[in-house]
Protein backbone atom coordinates (compact mmCIF):
# COMPACT_ATOMS: atom_id res chain seq x y z
CA UNK A 1 12.84 34.80 84.83
CA UNK A 2 16.35 33.59 84.18
CA UNK A 3 17.61 30.71 86.28
CA UNK A 4 21.17 29.68 86.98
CA UNK A 5 22.44 26.57 88.69
CA UNK A 6 25.85 26.79 90.34
CA UNK A 7 27.74 23.53 90.51
CA UNK A 8 31.26 23.20 91.87
CA UNK A 9 33.51 24.78 89.23
CA UNK A 10 30.60 25.01 86.82
CA UNK A 11 27.96 27.70 86.18
CA UNK A 12 24.92 26.69 84.16
CA UNK A 13 22.50 29.32 82.85
CA UNK A 14 18.94 28.06 82.80
CA UNK A 15 16.19 30.07 81.11
CA UNK A 16 13.05 28.51 82.48
CA UNK A 17 9.55 29.04 81.21
CA UNK A 18 7.27 26.02 81.74
CA UNK A 19 7.74 22.31 82.37
CA UNK A 20 8.79 20.34 79.33
CA UNK A 21 5.92 18.74 77.38
CA UNK A 22 7.78 15.45 77.62
CA UNK A 23 7.94 15.66 81.42
CA UNK A 24 4.35 14.61 81.95
CA UNK A 25 4.95 13.29 85.44
CA UNK A 26 5.36 16.86 86.70
CA UNK A 27 1.55 17.00 86.59
CA UNK A 28 -0.38 15.08 89.20
CA UNK A 29 -3.76 13.46 88.63
CA UNK A 30 -4.65 14.12 92.26
CA UNK A 31 -4.89 17.89 91.73
CA UNK A 32 -8.54 19.01 92.01
CA UNK A 33 -10.37 19.65 88.75
CA UNK A 34 -10.60 23.31 89.72
CA UNK A 35 -6.79 23.42 89.62
CA UNK A 36 -6.09 21.98 86.19
CA UNK A 37 -2.41 22.17 85.34
CA UNK A 38 -1.83 24.66 82.56
CA UNK A 39 -5.17 26.38 83.18
CA UNK A 40 -5.32 27.33 86.84
CA UNK A 41 -2.24 25.61 88.26
CA UNK A 42 1.48 25.45 87.43
CA UNK A 43 3.30 22.20 86.75
CA UNK A 44 5.77 20.91 89.33
CA UNK A 45 9.20 19.31 89.21
CA UNK A 46 11.63 22.20 89.58
CA UNK A 47 14.17 23.36 92.17
CA UNK A 48 13.00 22.61 95.72
CA UNK A 49 14.20 23.19 99.24
CA UNK A 50 14.33 19.94 101.19
CA UNK A 51 11.28 19.05 103.25
CA UNK A 52 11.28 20.63 106.72
CA UNK A 53 13.95 23.15 105.71
CA UNK A 54 14.45 26.37 107.59
CA UNK A 55 15.43 28.72 104.78
CA UNK A 56 17.37 31.70 106.07
CA UNK A 57 16.34 34.71 103.98
CA UNK A 58 18.72 37.66 103.74
CA UNK A 59 18.17 40.92 101.87
CA UNK A 60 20.86 43.34 100.76
CA UNK A 61 19.01 46.26 102.28
CA UNK A 62 20.98 48.97 100.51
CA UNK A 63 19.61 47.70 97.18
CA UNK A 64 16.00 48.55 98.01
CA UNK A 65 14.18 51.70 99.07
CA UNK A 66 12.28 52.24 102.31
CA UNK A 67 9.02 51.97 100.35
CA UNK A 68 10.04 48.70 98.65
CA UNK A 69 11.46 46.88 101.66
CA UNK A 70 8.20 46.03 103.46
CA UNK A 71 6.89 44.48 100.25
CA UNK A 72 9.86 42.11 100.12
CA UNK A 73 9.03 40.98 103.65
CA UNK A 74 5.37 40.69 102.68
CA UNK A 75 6.31 38.22 99.94
CA UNK A 76 8.11 36.12 102.54
CA UNK A 77 5.14 36.25 104.89
CA UNK A 78 2.58 35.46 102.20
CA UNK A 79 4.26 32.10 101.58
CA UNK A 80 4.87 31.41 105.27
CA UNK A 81 1.17 31.90 105.94
CA UNK A 82 0.26 28.98 103.66
CA UNK A 83 3.25 26.63 103.89
CA UNK A 84 1.73 24.64 106.74
CA UNK A 85 -1.13 23.73 104.40
CA UNK A 86 1.34 22.28 101.89
CA UNK A 87 2.80 19.71 104.27
CA UNK A 88 6.28 20.71 103.09
CA UNK A 89 7.55 21.65 106.52
CA UNK A 90 9.47 24.51 104.87
CA UNK A 91 9.73 27.83 106.69
CA UNK A 92 11.17 31.07 105.31
CA UNK A 93 12.96 32.88 108.12
CA UNK A 94 14.03 36.47 107.53
CA UNK A 95 17.48 36.98 109.05
CA UNK A 96 18.28 40.59 108.19
CA UNK A 97 20.80 42.36 106.02
CA UNK A 98 23.48 40.77 103.87
CA UNK A 99 26.33 42.83 102.49
CA UNK A 100 26.92 40.34 99.66
CA UNK A 101 25.69 37.04 98.21
CA UNK A 102 25.78 34.29 100.82
CA UNK A 103 26.72 30.67 100.20
CA UNK A 104 25.88 29.26 103.62
CA UNK A 105 23.80 26.10 103.80
CA UNK A 106 20.08 26.92 103.72
CA UNK A 107 20.64 30.58 102.84
CA UNK A 108 18.63 32.58 100.31
CA UNK A 109 19.91 36.05 99.46
CA UNK A 110 17.87 38.73 97.68
CA UNK A 111 19.91 41.39 95.90
CA UNK A 112 19.76 43.77 92.96
CA UNK A 113 21.80 43.26 89.81
CA UNK A 114 21.68 43.86 86.09
CA UNK A 115 19.83 41.00 84.45
CA UNK A 116 17.41 42.79 82.11
CA UNK A 117 17.95 42.63 78.37
CA UNK A 118 15.63 43.48 75.50
CA UNK A 119 16.21 40.18 73.71
CA UNK A 120 15.33 37.80 76.52
CA UNK A 121 13.25 40.27 78.56
CA UNK A 122 14.41 39.08 81.97
CA UNK A 123 14.18 41.24 85.10
CA UNK A 124 14.87 38.53 87.70
CA UNK A 125 17.42 35.76 88.00
CA UNK A 126 17.58 32.78 90.34
CA UNK A 127 20.95 31.18 91.04
CA UNK A 128 20.56 27.83 92.79
CA UNK A 129 23.34 25.62 94.15
CA UNK A 130 22.88 21.92 94.90
CA UNK A 131 25.64 20.16 96.81
CA UNK A 132 24.15 16.82 95.74
CA UNK A 133 23.75 17.93 92.11
CA UNK A 134 20.03 17.23 92.24
CA UNK A 135 16.91 19.38 92.51
CA UNK A 136 17.42 19.97 96.23
CA UNK A 137 18.70 23.50 96.87
CA UNK A 138 21.66 24.00 99.21
CA UNK A 139 21.66 27.78 98.84
CA UNK A 140 20.17 30.27 96.41
CA UNK A 141 20.30 33.88 95.29
CA UNK A 142 17.49 35.92 93.77
CA UNK A 143 18.67 38.86 91.68
CA UNK A 144 16.23 41.66 90.84
CA UNK A 145 17.01 44.11 88.05
CA UNK A 146 16.87 47.82 89.03
CA UNK A 147 14.26 48.36 86.29
CA UNK A 148 11.68 46.75 88.60
CA UNK A 149 10.80 49.56 91.00
CA UNK A 150 7.08 49.53 91.84
CA UNK A 151 6.82 48.15 95.40
CA UNK A 152 3.73 46.00 94.78
CA UNK A 153 5.05 44.67 91.47
CA UNK A 154 8.29 43.85 93.29
CA UNK A 155 6.30 41.93 95.88
CA UNK A 156 4.54 39.98 93.11
CA UNK A 157 7.89 39.15 91.51
CA UNK A 158 9.36 37.88 94.78
CA UNK A 159 6.23 35.84 95.54
CA UNK A 160 6.65 34.26 92.10
CA UNK A 161 10.33 33.53 92.75
CA UNK A 162 9.57 31.85 96.06
CA UNK A 163 7.15 29.63 94.13
CA UNK A 164 10.08 28.49 91.99
CA UNK A 165 11.97 27.70 95.20
CA UNK A 166 9.15 25.35 96.18
CA UNK A 167 9.07 23.28 93.01
CA UNK A 168 6.64 25.32 90.90
CA UNK A 169 7.22 26.03 87.22
CA UNK A 170 5.92 29.01 85.25
CA UNK A 171 2.44 28.86 83.75
CA UNK A 172 1.83 31.35 80.97
CA UNK A 173 -1.36 29.61 79.90
CA UNK A 174 -2.91 29.80 83.36
CA UNK A 175 -5.82 32.15 83.87
CA UNK A 176 -5.13 35.55 85.36
CA UNK A 177 -4.96 35.51 89.17
CA UNK A 178 -5.28 31.72 89.32
CA UNK A 179 -1.61 31.33 90.26
CA UNK A 180 1.36 33.47 91.19
CA UNK A 181 3.30 31.58 88.52
CA UNK A 182 1.71 33.23 85.48
CA UNK A 183 3.39 36.13 83.77
CA UNK A 184 3.38 39.89 84.13
CA UNK A 185 2.19 41.84 81.12
CA UNK A 186 3.69 45.19 82.10
CA UNK A 187 6.80 45.94 84.10
CA UNK A 188 6.00 47.84 87.30
CA UNK A 189 2.29 47.09 87.07
CA UNK A 190 1.18 44.82 89.97
CA UNK A 191 -0.75 41.65 89.16
CA UNK A 192 -3.17 42.30 92.06
CA UNK A 193 -3.17 38.63 93.03
CA UNK A 194 -2.59 38.93 96.77
CA UNK A 195 -0.21 36.02 97.34
CA UNK A 196 -0.20 32.26 96.69
CA UNK A 197 -3.55 30.93 95.48
CA UNK A 198 -5.30 27.68 96.47
CA UNK A 199 -3.93 26.13 93.26
CA UNK A 200 -0.39 27.19 94.16
CA UNK A 201 -0.82 25.63 97.60
CA UNK A 202 -2.19 22.42 96.07
CA UNK A 203 0.74 22.14 93.68
CA UNK A 204 3.41 22.75 96.31
CA UNK A 205 1.72 19.97 98.27
CA UNK A 206 2.00 17.72 95.20
CA UNK A 207 5.66 18.69 94.74
CA UNK A 208 6.51 17.59 98.26
CA UNK A 209 4.50 14.40 97.94
CA UNK A 210 6.62 13.53 94.92
CA UNK A 211 9.79 14.51 96.74
CA UNK A 212 9.08 11.79 99.29
CA UNK A 213 9.02 9.26 96.45
CA UNK A 214 11.96 10.43 94.41
CA UNK A 215 14.42 13.29 94.03
CA UNK A 216 15.01 14.50 90.50
CA UNK A 217 18.40 15.30 89.01
CA UNK A 218 19.24 18.99 88.86
CA UNK A 219 17.29 20.80 86.13
CA UNK A 220 19.13 20.42 82.82
CA UNK A 221 21.07 23.17 81.06
CA UNK A 222 18.44 23.85 78.45
CA UNK A 223 15.31 25.91 77.92
CA UNK A 224 12.20 24.24 79.31
CA UNK A 225 9.30 25.23 77.08
CA UNK A 226 5.83 23.86 77.66
CA UNK A 227 3.02 23.50 75.17
CA UNK A 228 1.33 26.71 74.13
CA UNK A 229 4.27 29.00 74.93
CA UNK A 230 6.53 30.68 72.42
CA UNK A 231 10.26 30.16 73.11
CA UNK A 232 10.95 33.90 73.02
CA UNK A 233 8.51 34.57 75.86
CA UNK A 234 9.10 34.28 79.57
CA UNK A 235 7.43 35.31 82.81
CA UNK A 236 9.09 38.72 82.80
CA UNK A 237 7.03 41.85 82.11
CA UNK A 238 7.34 42.77 78.44
CA UNK A 239 6.27 46.42 78.40
CA UNK A 240 8.05 49.21 80.22
CA UNK A 241 5.74 52.19 80.76
CA UNK A 242 7.28 55.59 80.12
CA UNK A 243 7.84 57.69 83.26
């Protein structure tokens, strides 16, 4: 995934993989042993909607097929079904169609756009704007490359992106199906994970506990690479099956 922060008069491109090894306080000692960070659970400390936010989700309907659209809504619902357990107070509220990217307060727009390239292997991009220039999102846009077409893989990708919106970082070293924040291996092949896992729920809960204590500055304009991950890798599928 490629991440961009939009600041007034300034666009910062952020290619985010995992939490920085030096940012040890993104990992909480209160996480159960069955959800060890880097093994079954992602680190925290990323972009986050404010506690008790009502995030207005819009989709540019013309960008997605009739078969794909219900899976986008399913990704929204899969997080809504567990958010109460996180204590975040956040709610994702689908509002309908958007003809273009929206910059209204509390708005999240999902659109298609060209973000894939062979060098960086990205198929999704998150653009996040913070009016306070900190980690709290004012509005955001998720861009999905047209190369991602399988409806269930698309649902997995959106579920992953919503995890980023709730403070979760990528976890390439996490075991398969332990978190929605680990990577795809093949474009258009679903991960068969079925939505946020107990470890994802636990870590969102930790993210919002920390948010009550302090609010981080906006993520820096640099690659965030955690231990055990090669800088050229990211959470984007790396193999495109032939038709």
